[in-house]
């Protein structure tokens, strides 16, 4: 079966170690939702602003605020802890302890909210990109990473969650633009 025979849902989420994006069907065509101003790609960063006691910033704005020496906590590369024991830990955010899964949830919810605003509708189903291996040489940790990400997706409101390996998604996208039969090499060189 060719990749074009696979069934993909209308909404796709790429929660990346370095950057993230979310796509929706809009006017019958796939489109990336603007997630930071007009940008469709956002650095995977969350900043908890201690000076305002609760403001949460995302992406480049989060990084810029941190660099500007606003007192707070910048968190990046959250995807990289999904398959590690750290995901079960809590972290200090000011005077309170917050589960790292909750930090990931805050970021994923932000992406979902941006996509829903762009699509002008609630999004209940998503295809979540995932690396071929979250954790090399540890099948249990790898499966747990996907399970944790699926649980987070459900908590933010995705009722139906499916996963596709990121290189397969890239191959599918490439196939959509190919005009002739050819052999290609698809590589996923992630930011992690």
N, C-alpha and C. Protein backbone atom coordinates (compact mmCIF):
# COMPACT_ATOMS: atom_id res chain seq x y z
N UNK A 1 0.84 -1.19 0.00
CA UNK A 1 0.00 0.00 0.00
C UNK A 1 0.88 1.24 0.00
N UNK A 2 0.52 2.19 -0.82
CA UNK A 2 1.24 3.46 -0.84
C UNK A 2 0.85 4.32 0.34
N UNK A 3 1.70 5.29 0.63
CA UNK A 3 1.41 6.18 1.76
C UNK A 3 0.10 6.93 1.56
N UNK A 4 -0.26 7.23 0.32
CA UNK A 4 -1.49 7.98 0.08
C UNK A 4 -2.73 7.19 0.45
N UNK A 5 -2.59 5.86 0.62
CA UNK A 5 -3.74 5.04 1.00
C UNK A 5 -3.97 5.03 2.51
N UNK A 6 -3.01 5.62 3.27
CA UNK A 6 -3.18 5.69 4.71
C UNK A 6 -4.25 6.72 5.05
N UNK A 7 -4.96 6.49 6.13
CA UNK A 7 -5.96 7.45 6.57
C UNK A 7 -5.36 8.35 7.63
N UNK A 8 -5.42 9.65 7.40
CA UNK A 8 -4.94 10.62 8.36
C UNK A 8 -6.11 11.52 8.76
N UNK A 9 -6.15 11.87 10.02
CA UNK A 9 -7.19 12.78 10.50
C UNK A 9 -6.88 14.17 10.02
N UNK A 10 -7.80 15.06 10.28
CA UNK A 10 -7.69 16.41 9.75
C UNK A 10 -6.72 17.31 10.51
N UNK A 11 -6.32 16.94 11.71
CA UNK A 11 -5.49 17.81 12.53
C UNK A 11 -4.23 17.07 12.94
N UNK A 12 -3.08 17.72 12.77
CA UNK A 12 -1.81 17.10 13.11
C UNK A 12 -0.99 17.99 14.02
N UNK A 13 -0.35 17.38 15.00
CA UNK A 13 0.44 18.10 16.00
C UNK A 13 1.86 17.57 16.01
N UNK A 14 2.81 18.46 15.87
CA UNK A 14 4.22 18.12 15.98
C UNK A 14 4.78 18.83 17.20
N UNK A 15 4.83 18.11 18.33
CA UNK A 15 5.43 18.63 19.55
C UNK A 15 6.89 18.24 19.50
N UNK A 16 7.74 19.20 19.16
CA UNK A 16 9.14 18.90 18.96
C UNK A 16 10.00 19.29 20.14
N UNK A 17 11.19 18.74 20.17
CA UNK A 17 12.14 19.08 21.22
C UNK A 17 12.53 20.56 21.11
N UNK A 18 12.77 21.03 19.90
CA UNK A 18 13.18 22.42 19.69
C UNK A 18 12.03 23.32 19.28
N UNK A 19 11.20 22.86 18.37
CA UNK A 19 10.10 23.66 17.83
C UNK A 19 8.85 22.81 17.69
N UNK A 20 7.70 23.48 17.66
CA UNK A 20 6.43 22.77 17.53
C UNK A 20 5.53 23.48 16.53
N UNK A 21 4.57 22.72 15.99
CA UNK A 21 3.60 23.25 15.04
C UNK A 21 2.33 22.42 15.13
N UNK A 22 1.23 23.00 14.67
CA UNK A 22 -0.04 22.26 14.62
C UNK A 22 -0.75 22.65 13.33
N UNK A 23 -1.25 21.63 12.64
CA UNK A 23 -1.93 21.86 11.38
C UNK A 23 -3.39 21.46 11.45
N UNK A 24 -4.20 22.13 10.66
CA UNK A 24 -5.63 21.88 10.61
C UNK A 24 -6.08 21.88 9.16
N UNK A 25 -7.27 21.33 8.93
CA UNK A 25 -7.88 21.47 7.61
C UNK A 25 -8.68 22.77 7.64
N UNK A 26 -8.42 23.60 6.66
CA UNK A 26 -9.13 24.89 6.58
C UNK A 26 -9.49 25.12 5.12
N UNK A 27 -10.78 25.31 4.88
CA UNK A 27 -11.29 25.50 3.52
C UNK A 27 -10.89 24.33 2.61
N UNK A 28 -10.90 23.12 3.18
CA UNK A 28 -10.63 21.91 2.41
C UNK A 28 -9.17 21.61 2.14
N UNK A 29 -8.27 22.41 2.72
CA UNK A 29 -6.84 22.19 2.49
C UNK A 29 -6.10 22.23 3.83
N UNK A 30 -5.03 21.45 3.94
CA UNK A 30 -4.25 21.51 5.17
C UNK A 30 -3.53 22.84 5.31
N UNK A 31 -3.49 23.35 6.53
CA UNK A 31 -2.82 24.62 6.79
C UNK A 31 -2.22 24.59 8.19
N UNK A 32 -1.04 25.16 8.31
CA UNK A 32 -0.44 25.30 9.63
C UNK A 32 -1.07 26.49 10.34
N UNK A 33 -1.44 26.29 11.59
CA UNK A 33 -2.04 27.36 12.37
C UNK A 33 -0.96 28.31 12.86
N UNK A 34 -1.24 29.61 12.83
CA UNK A 34 -0.28 30.54 13.44
C UNK A 34 -0.28 30.30 14.95
N UNK A 35 0.89 30.09 15.50
CA UNK A 35 0.99 29.76 16.92
C UNK A 35 1.75 30.81 17.73
N UNK A 36 2.37 31.75 17.02
CA UNK A 36 3.05 32.85 17.70
C UNK A 36 3.03 34.04 16.76
N UNK A 37 2.09 34.93 16.98
CA UNK A 37 1.87 36.00 16.01
C UNK A 37 1.40 35.36 14.71
N UNK A 38 2.10 35.64 13.63
CA UNK A 38 1.77 35.02 12.35
C UNK A 38 2.63 33.79 12.06
N UNK A 39 3.59 33.52 12.93
CA UNK A 39 4.50 32.38 12.73
C UNK A 39 3.77 31.06 12.98
N UNK A 40 4.06 30.08 12.11
CA UNK A 40 3.43 28.77 12.24
C UNK A 40 4.34 27.76 12.95
N UNK A 41 5.50 28.19 13.34
CA UNK A 41 6.45 27.36 14.07
C UNK A 41 6.84 28.13 15.33
N UNK A 42 6.76 27.45 16.46
CA UNK A 42 7.05 28.11 17.73
C UNK A 42 8.13 27.33 18.46
N UNK A 43 9.13 28.02 19.01
CA UNK A 43 10.07 27.29 19.85
C UNK A 43 9.32 26.60 20.99
N UNK A 44 9.70 25.38 21.28
CA UNK A 44 9.05 24.61 22.36
C UNK A 44 9.61 25.09 23.70
N UNK A 45 9.08 26.22 24.14
CA UNK A 45 9.57 26.86 25.35
C UNK A 45 8.39 27.43 26.13
N UNK A 46 8.49 27.32 27.46
CA UNK A 46 7.48 27.88 28.36
C UNK A 46 8.23 28.68 29.42
N UNK A 47 7.75 29.89 29.66
CA UNK A 47 8.34 30.74 30.70
C UNK A 47 7.28 31.07 31.73
N UNK A 48 7.60 30.77 32.99
CA UNK A 48 6.73 31.09 34.11
C UNK A 48 7.28 32.36 34.75
N UNK A 49 6.54 33.44 34.62
CA UNK A 49 6.95 34.77 35.06
C UNK A 49 6.65 34.93 36.56
N UNK A 50 7.70 34.99 37.36
CA UNK A 50 7.52 35.14 38.81
C UNK A 50 7.16 36.57 39.18
N UNK A 51 7.57 37.53 38.37
CA UNK A 51 7.31 38.93 38.68
C UNK A 51 5.83 39.27 38.64
N UNK A 52 5.08 38.57 37.77
CA UNK A 52 3.63 38.83 37.68
C UNK A 52 2.83 37.78 38.43
N UNK A 53 3.52 36.82 39.04
CA UNK A 53 2.88 35.75 39.83
C UNK A 53 1.84 34.98 39.02
N UNK A 54 2.27 34.43 37.91
CA UNK A 54 1.38 33.55 37.21
C UNK A 54 1.32 33.68 35.71
N UNK A 55 1.88 34.74 35.14
CA UNK A 55 1.86 34.86 33.69
C UNK A 55 2.71 33.76 33.08
N UNK A 56 2.17 33.09 32.06
CA UNK A 56 2.88 32.03 31.36
C UNK A 56 3.06 32.49 29.92
N UNK A 57 4.29 32.43 29.44
CA UNK A 57 4.60 32.83 28.07
C UNK A 57 5.12 31.63 27.30
N UNK A 58 5.01 31.71 25.98
CA UNK A 58 5.38 30.59 25.12
C UNK A 58 6.31 31.04 24.01
N UNK A 59 7.11 30.10 23.51
CA UNK A 59 7.90 30.31 22.31
C UNK A 59 8.97 31.37 22.43
N UNK A 60 9.16 32.11 21.34
CA UNK A 60 10.20 33.15 21.29
C UNK A 60 9.94 34.22 22.34
N UNK A 61 8.68 34.53 22.59
CA UNK A 61 8.34 35.52 23.62
C UNK A 61 8.82 35.04 24.99
N UNK A 62 8.67 33.75 25.27
CA UNK A 62 9.15 33.17 26.53
C UNK A 62 10.67 33.33 26.63
N UNK A 63 11.36 32.99 25.56
CA UNK A 63 12.82 33.05 25.56
C UNK A 63 13.30 34.49 25.70
N UNK A 64 12.69 35.40 24.94
CA UNK A 64 13.08 36.81 25.00
C UNK A 64 12.86 37.40 26.39
N UNK A 65 11.76 37.02 27.02
CA UNK A 65 11.48 37.52 28.37
C UNK A 65 12.52 37.02 29.35
N UNK A 66 12.89 35.76 29.22
CA UNK A 66 13.93 35.19 30.08
C UNK A 66 15.27 35.90 29.85
N UNK A 67 15.63 36.08 28.59
CA UNK A 67 16.90 36.75 28.25
C UNK A 67 16.89 38.18 28.76
N UNK A 68 15.70 38.80 28.76
CA UNK A 68 15.56 40.17 29.26
C UNK A 68 15.66 40.28 30.76
N UNK A 69 15.95 39.17 31.42
CA UNK A 69 16.20 39.09 32.85
C UNK A 69 14.97 39.32 33.71
N UNK A 70 13.81 38.98 33.17
CA UNK A 70 12.61 38.93 34.00
C UNK A 70 12.77 37.73 34.91
N UNK A 71 12.44 37.90 36.17
CA UNK A 71 12.60 36.78 37.10
C UNK A 71 11.54 35.73 36.82
N UNK A 72 11.99 34.50 36.66
CA UNK A 72 11.06 33.42 36.37
C UNK A 72 11.80 32.15 36.01
N UNK A 73 11.07 31.24 35.40
CA UNK A 73 11.63 29.92 35.06
C UNK A 73 11.34 29.61 33.60
N UNK A 74 12.39 29.41 32.82
CA UNK A 74 12.26 29.02 31.41
C UNK A 74 12.46 27.52 31.32
N UNK A 75 11.58 26.86 30.61
CA UNK A 75 11.69 25.42 30.41
C UNK A 75 11.65 25.13 28.92
N UNK A 76 12.65 24.34 28.45
CA UNK A 76 12.78 23.97 27.05
C UNK A 76 13.02 22.48 26.94
N UNK A 77 12.95 21.96 25.73
CA UNK A 77 13.27 20.56 25.44
C UNK A 77 12.46 19.60 26.29
N UNK A 78 11.20 19.95 26.55
CA UNK A 78 10.34 19.11 27.40
C UNK A 78 10.09 17.74 26.80
N UNK A 79 10.09 17.66 25.48
CA UNK A 79 9.87 16.37 24.83
C UNK A 79 10.93 15.36 25.23
N UNK A 80 12.13 15.84 25.48
CA UNK A 80 13.24 14.93 25.79
C UNK A 80 13.08 14.21 27.13
N UNK A 81 12.20 14.70 28.01
CA UNK A 81 12.02 14.02 29.30
C UNK A 81 10.86 13.04 29.30
N UNK A 82 10.11 12.98 28.19
CA UNK A 82 8.94 12.09 28.15
C UNK A 82 9.30 10.64 28.45
N UNK A 83 10.42 10.16 27.98
CA UNK A 83 10.79 8.77 28.17
C UNK A 83 11.71 8.53 29.35
N UNK A 84 11.95 9.56 30.13
CA UNK A 84 12.87 9.40 31.27
C UNK A 84 12.08 9.39 32.58
N UNK A 85 12.70 8.91 33.64
CA UNK A 85 12.04 8.92 34.95
C UNK A 85 11.71 10.34 35.43
N UNK A 86 12.36 11.36 34.86
CA UNK A 86 12.09 12.74 35.25
C UNK A 86 10.63 13.14 35.02
N UNK A 87 9.98 12.51 34.04
CA UNK A 87 8.61 12.89 33.72
C UNK A 87 7.67 12.68 34.91
N UNK A 88 8.04 11.82 35.83
CA UNK A 88 7.22 11.58 37.02
C UNK A 88 7.51 12.58 38.14
N UNK A 89 8.48 13.44 37.93
CA UNK A 89 8.91 14.37 38.98
C UNK A 89 8.10 15.66 38.95
N UNK A 90 8.26 16.40 40.02
CA UNK A 90 7.71 17.76 40.10
C UNK A 90 8.88 18.72 40.06
N UNK A 91 8.58 19.95 39.66
CA UNK A 91 9.60 20.98 39.60
C UNK A 91 9.10 22.22 40.33
N UNK A 92 10.02 22.99 40.85
CA UNK A 92 9.65 24.20 41.58
C UNK A 92 9.35 25.32 40.60
N UNK A 93 8.19 25.89 40.74
CA UNK A 93 7.81 27.10 40.00
C UNK A 93 7.45 28.14 41.05
N UNK A 94 8.43 28.93 41.39
CA UNK A 94 8.23 29.86 42.49
C UNK A 94 8.14 29.07 43.78
N UNK A 95 7.06 29.27 44.49
CA UNK A 95 6.88 28.60 45.77
C UNK A 95 6.02 27.35 45.68
N UNK A 96 5.68 26.93 44.49
CA UNK A 96 4.86 25.73 44.37
C UNK A 96 5.56 24.67 43.54
N UNK A 97 5.15 23.44 43.75
CA UNK A 97 5.68 22.30 43.02
C UNK A 97 4.67 21.91 41.95
N UNK A 98 5.14 21.73 40.72
CA UNK A 98 4.27 21.39 39.60
C UNK A 98 4.84 20.16 38.90
N UNK A 99 3.97 19.22 38.58
CA UNK A 99 4.39 18.03 37.85
C UNK A 99 4.88 18.42 36.46
N UNK A 100 5.96 17.79 36.01
CA UNK A 100 6.48 18.09 34.68
C UNK A 100 5.47 17.74 33.60
N UNK A 101 4.64 16.72 33.84
CA UNK A 101 3.58 16.42 32.87
C UNK A 101 2.63 17.61 32.74
N UNK A 102 2.40 18.34 33.82
CA UNK A 102 1.53 19.51 33.76
C UNK A 102 2.16 20.63 32.93
N UNK A 103 3.47 20.76 33.00
CA UNK A 103 4.16 21.77 32.18
C UNK A 103 3.99 21.43 30.70
N UNK A 104 4.18 20.17 30.35
CA UNK A 104 3.97 19.74 28.96
C UNK A 104 2.51 19.99 28.57
N UNK A 105 1.61 19.68 29.46
CA UNK A 105 0.18 19.89 29.21
C UNK A 105 -0.14 21.36 28.93
N UNK A 106 0.45 22.26 29.68
CA UNK A 106 0.24 23.70 29.47
C UNK A 106 0.66 24.09 28.06
N UNK A 107 1.82 23.56 27.61
CA UNK A 107 2.31 23.90 26.28
C UNK A 107 1.41 23.31 25.19
N UNK A 108 1.03 22.04 25.32
CA UNK A 108 0.17 21.39 24.32
C UNK A 108 -1.19 22.07 24.27
N UNK A 109 -1.73 22.45 25.43
CA UNK A 109 -3.02 23.17 25.46
C UNK A 109 -2.91 24.50 24.71
N UNK A 110 -1.78 25.17 24.87
CA UNK A 110 -1.56 26.44 24.16
C UNK A 110 -1.63 26.22 22.65
N UNK A 111 -0.97 25.16 22.17
CA UNK A 111 -1.01 24.86 20.73
C UNK A 111 -2.43 24.55 20.28
N UNK A 112 -3.14 23.76 21.07
CA UNK A 112 -4.53 23.40 20.73
C UNK A 112 -5.40 24.65 20.67
N UNK A 113 -5.25 25.54 21.64
CA UNK A 113 -6.04 26.78 21.65
C UNK A 113 -5.76 27.63 20.42
N UNK A 114 -4.50 27.73 20.02
CA UNK A 114 -4.15 28.51 18.83
C UNK A 114 -4.76 27.88 17.57
N UNK A 115 -4.72 26.55 17.48
CA UNK A 115 -5.28 25.86 16.32
C UNK A 115 -6.79 26.03 16.27
N UNK A 116 -7.45 25.96 17.41
CA UNK A 116 -8.91 26.13 17.44
C UNK A 116 -9.31 27.55 17.05
N UNK A 117 -8.54 28.53 17.49
CA UNK A 117 -8.83 29.91 17.09
C UNK A 117 -8.67 30.07 15.58
N UNK A 118 -7.66 29.46 15.01
CA UNK A 118 -7.41 29.53 13.57
C UNK A 118 -8.48 28.79 12.78
N UNK A 119 -8.89 27.63 13.28
CA UNK A 119 -9.88 26.81 12.58
C UNK A 119 -11.32 27.25 12.85
N UNK A 120 -11.50 28.10 13.85
CA UNK A 120 -12.83 28.57 14.27
C UNK A 120 -13.75 27.41 14.65
N UNK A 121 -13.16 26.38 15.26
CA UNK A 121 -13.94 25.25 15.74
C UNK A 121 -13.15 24.48 16.78
N UNK A 122 -13.87 23.71 17.58
CA UNK A 122 -13.22 22.87 18.56
C UNK A 122 -12.55 21.70 17.84
N UNK A 123 -11.38 21.33 18.31
CA UNK A 123 -10.65 20.22 17.72
C UNK A 123 -10.64 19.08 18.73
N UNK A 124 -11.23 17.95 18.35
CA UNK A 124 -11.36 16.82 19.26
C UNK A 124 -10.47 15.63 18.91
N UNK A 125 -9.90 15.62 17.72
CA UNK A 125 -9.08 14.50 17.28
C UNK A 125 -7.77 15.04 16.70
N UNK A 126 -6.71 14.29 16.93
CA UNK A 126 -5.41 14.74 16.45
C UNK A 126 -4.52 13.55 16.12
N UNK A 127 -3.70 13.74 15.10
CA UNK A 127 -2.60 12.82 14.82
C UNK A 127 -1.36 13.48 15.40
N UNK A 128 -0.77 12.82 16.35
CA UNK A 128 0.41 13.33 17.06
C UNK A 128 1.64 12.74 16.41
N UNK A 129 2.56 13.58 15.99
CA UNK A 129 3.83 13.07 15.51
C UNK A 129 4.63 12.52 16.68
N UNK A 130 5.43 11.51 16.39
CA UNK A 130 6.30 10.96 17.42
C UNK A 130 7.57 10.46 16.76
N UNK A 131 8.69 10.53 17.47
CA UNK A 131 9.90 9.98 16.89
C UNK A 131 9.78 8.47 16.77
N UNK A 132 10.58 7.88 15.91
CA UNK A 132 10.57 6.43 15.80
C UNK A 132 10.93 5.83 17.16
N UNK A 133 11.84 6.45 17.86
CA UNK A 133 12.21 6.02 19.22
C UNK A 133 12.29 7.25 20.12
N UNK A 134 11.46 7.29 21.15
CA UNK A 134 11.65 8.30 22.19
C UNK A 134 12.91 7.96 22.98
N UNK A 135 13.08 6.66 23.23
CA UNK A 135 14.20 6.17 24.04
C UNK A 135 14.85 5.00 23.31
N UNK A 136 16.11 5.15 22.95
CA UNK A 136 16.83 4.06 22.27
C UNK A 136 17.03 2.89 23.22
N UNK A 137 16.90 1.69 22.70
CA UNK A 137 17.22 0.45 23.41
C UNK A 137 16.43 0.24 24.70
N UNK A 138 15.25 0.84 24.82
CA UNK A 138 14.42 0.60 26.01
C UNK A 138 12.96 0.65 25.58
N UNK A 139 12.42 -0.51 25.20
CA UNK A 139 11.05 -0.57 24.69
C UNK A 139 10.02 -0.13 25.71
N UNK A 140 10.25 -0.44 26.99
CA UNK A 140 9.29 -0.06 28.03
C UNK A 140 9.24 1.46 28.17
N UNK A 141 10.40 2.10 28.24
CA UNK A 141 10.45 3.56 28.36
C UNK A 141 9.89 4.23 27.11
N UNK A 142 10.15 3.65 25.95
CA UNK A 142 9.64 4.20 24.70
C UNK A 142 8.11 4.15 24.68
N UNK A 143 7.54 3.01 25.06
CA UNK A 143 6.08 2.88 25.10
C UNK A 143 5.48 3.81 26.15
N UNK A 144 6.16 3.96 27.26
CA UNK A 144 5.66 4.84 28.32
C UNK A 144 5.65 6.29 27.85
N UNK A 145 6.66 6.72 27.11
CA UNK A 145 6.71 8.09 26.60
C UNK A 145 5.49 8.38 25.73
N UNK A 146 5.15 7.44 24.84
CA UNK A 146 3.96 7.63 24.00
C UNK A 146 2.71 7.66 24.86
N UNK A 147 2.63 6.80 25.84
CA UNK A 147 1.47 6.74 26.72
C UNK A 147 1.30 8.06 27.50
N UNK A 148 2.40 8.60 28.00
CA UNK A 148 2.35 9.87 28.73
C UNK A 148 1.86 10.98 27.80
N UNK A 149 2.38 11.02 26.57
CA UNK A 149 1.97 12.05 25.62
C UNK A 149 0.49 11.89 25.24
N UNK A 150 0.04 10.64 25.12
CA UNK A 150 -1.37 10.39 24.82
C UNK A 150 -2.26 10.85 25.97
N UNK A 151 -1.86 10.55 27.20
CA UNK A 151 -2.63 11.00 28.37
C UNK A 151 -2.73 12.53 28.42
N UNK A 152 -1.61 13.19 28.14
CA UNK A 152 -1.61 14.66 28.12
C UNK A 152 -2.55 15.17 27.04
N UNK A 153 -2.50 14.57 25.86
CA UNK A 153 -3.39 14.99 24.77
C UNK A 153 -4.85 14.83 25.17
N UNK A 154 -5.19 13.76 25.86
CA UNK A 154 -6.57 13.58 26.33
C UNK A 154 -6.94 14.65 27.35
N UNK A 155 -6.02 14.97 28.25
CA UNK A 155 -6.32 15.98 29.29
C UNK A 155 -6.55 17.37 28.70
N UNK A 156 -5.92 17.69 27.58
CA UNK A 156 -6.14 19.01 26.99
C UNK A 156 -7.38 19.05 26.11
N UNK A 157 -8.04 17.89 25.93
CA UNK A 157 -9.30 17.89 25.21
C UNK A 157 -9.35 17.15 23.90
N UNK A 158 -8.27 16.50 23.51
CA UNK A 158 -8.33 15.65 22.32
C UNK A 158 -8.96 14.32 22.73
N UNK A 159 -10.13 14.04 22.21
CA UNK A 159 -10.83 12.80 22.57
C UNK A 159 -10.24 11.60 21.83
N UNK A 160 -9.83 11.82 20.60
CA UNK A 160 -9.22 10.77 19.78
C UNK A 160 -7.79 11.18 19.47
N UNK A 161 -6.86 10.30 19.80
CA UNK A 161 -5.44 10.58 19.60
C UNK A 161 -4.81 9.39 18.87
N UNK A 162 -4.14 9.70 17.80
CA UNK A 162 -3.41 8.69 17.03
C UNK A 162 -1.98 9.18 16.89
N UNK A 163 -1.06 8.26 16.67
CA UNK A 163 0.35 8.63 16.50
C UNK A 163 0.84 8.18 15.14
N UNK A 164 1.74 8.95 14.58
CA UNK A 164 2.42 8.58 13.34
C UNK A 164 3.89 8.90 13.53
N UNK A 165 4.74 8.00 13.07
CA UNK A 165 6.18 8.26 13.15
C UNK A 165 6.51 9.49 12.30
N UNK A 166 7.30 10.38 12.84
CA UNK A 166 7.61 11.63 12.14
C UNK A 166 8.22 11.41 10.75
N UNK A 167 9.12 10.43 10.55
CA UNK A 167 9.63 10.23 9.19
C UNK A 167 8.54 9.75 8.22
N UNK A 168 7.57 8.99 8.72
CA UNK A 168 6.45 8.55 7.87
C UNK A 168 5.62 9.76 7.45
N UNK A 169 5.38 10.65 8.40
CA UNK A 169 4.63 11.88 8.07
C UNK A 169 5.38 12.70 7.02
N UNK A 170 6.69 12.79 7.16
CA UNK A 170 7.50 13.53 6.18
C UNK A 170 7.43 12.85 4.82
N UNK A 171 7.48 11.52 4.81
CA UNK A 171 7.39 10.79 3.54
C UNK A 171 6.02 11.00 2.89
N UNK A 172 4.98 10.98 3.70
CA UNK A 172 3.63 11.21 3.17
C UNK A 172 3.55 12.60 2.53
N UNK A 173 4.07 13.59 3.23
CA UNK A 173 4.05 14.96 2.71
C UNK A 173 4.82 15.04 1.38
N UNK A 174 5.98 14.39 1.33
CA UNK A 174 6.77 14.42 0.11
C UNK A 174 6.01 13.74 -1.03
N UNK A 175 5.36 12.61 -0.73
CA UNK A 175 4.64 11.88 -1.77
C UNK A 175 3.54 12.75 -2.39
N UNK A 176 2.95 13.60 -1.58
CA UNK A 176 1.89 14.48 -2.10
C UNK A 176 2.40 15.43 -3.18
N UNK A 177 3.70 15.73 -3.17
CA UNK A 177 4.26 16.67 -4.15
C UNK A 177 5.01 15.98 -5.27
N UNK A 178 5.22 14.67 -5.18
CA UNK A 178 5.98 13.94 -6.20
C UNK A 178 5.16 13.83 -7.49
N UNK A 179 5.83 14.06 -8.60
CA UNK A 179 5.18 13.99 -9.90
C UNK A 179 5.48 12.71 -10.65
N UNK A 180 6.45 11.93 -10.15
CA UNK A 180 6.84 10.70 -10.84
C UNK A 180 7.32 9.69 -9.79
N UNK A 181 7.34 8.43 -10.21
CA UNK A 181 7.85 7.36 -9.34
C UNK A 181 9.34 7.59 -9.12
N UNK A 182 9.76 7.53 -7.86
CA UNK A 182 11.18 7.71 -7.57
C UNK A 182 11.50 7.08 -6.22
N UNK A 183 12.77 6.87 -5.99
CA UNK A 183 13.24 6.36 -4.70
C UNK A 183 13.86 7.53 -3.96
N UNK A 184 13.43 7.72 -2.71
CA UNK A 184 13.96 8.84 -1.93
C UNK A 184 14.35 8.32 -0.54
N UNK A 185 15.20 9.07 0.10
CA UNK A 185 15.60 8.79 1.47
C UNK A 185 14.99 9.87 2.35
N UNK A 186 14.20 9.44 3.32
CA UNK A 186 13.61 10.39 4.27
C UNK A 186 14.35 10.23 5.59
N UNK A 187 14.88 11.32 6.10
CA UNK A 187 15.61 11.29 7.38
C UNK A 187 14.97 12.29 8.34
N UNK A 188 14.88 11.89 9.58
CA UNK A 188 14.37 12.78 10.62
C UNK A 188 15.52 13.08 11.56
N UNK A 189 16.07 14.25 11.41
CA UNK A 189 17.18 14.69 12.26
C UNK A 189 16.59 15.74 13.20
N UNK A 190 16.14 15.29 14.34
CA UNK A 190 15.43 16.17 15.26
C UNK A 190 16.37 17.07 16.04
N UNK A 191 15.75 18.03 16.70
CA UNK A 191 16.49 19.00 17.48
C UNK A 191 16.99 18.46 18.80
N UNK A 192 16.50 17.28 19.22
CA UNK A 192 16.90 16.73 20.51
C UNK A 192 18.24 16.07 20.42
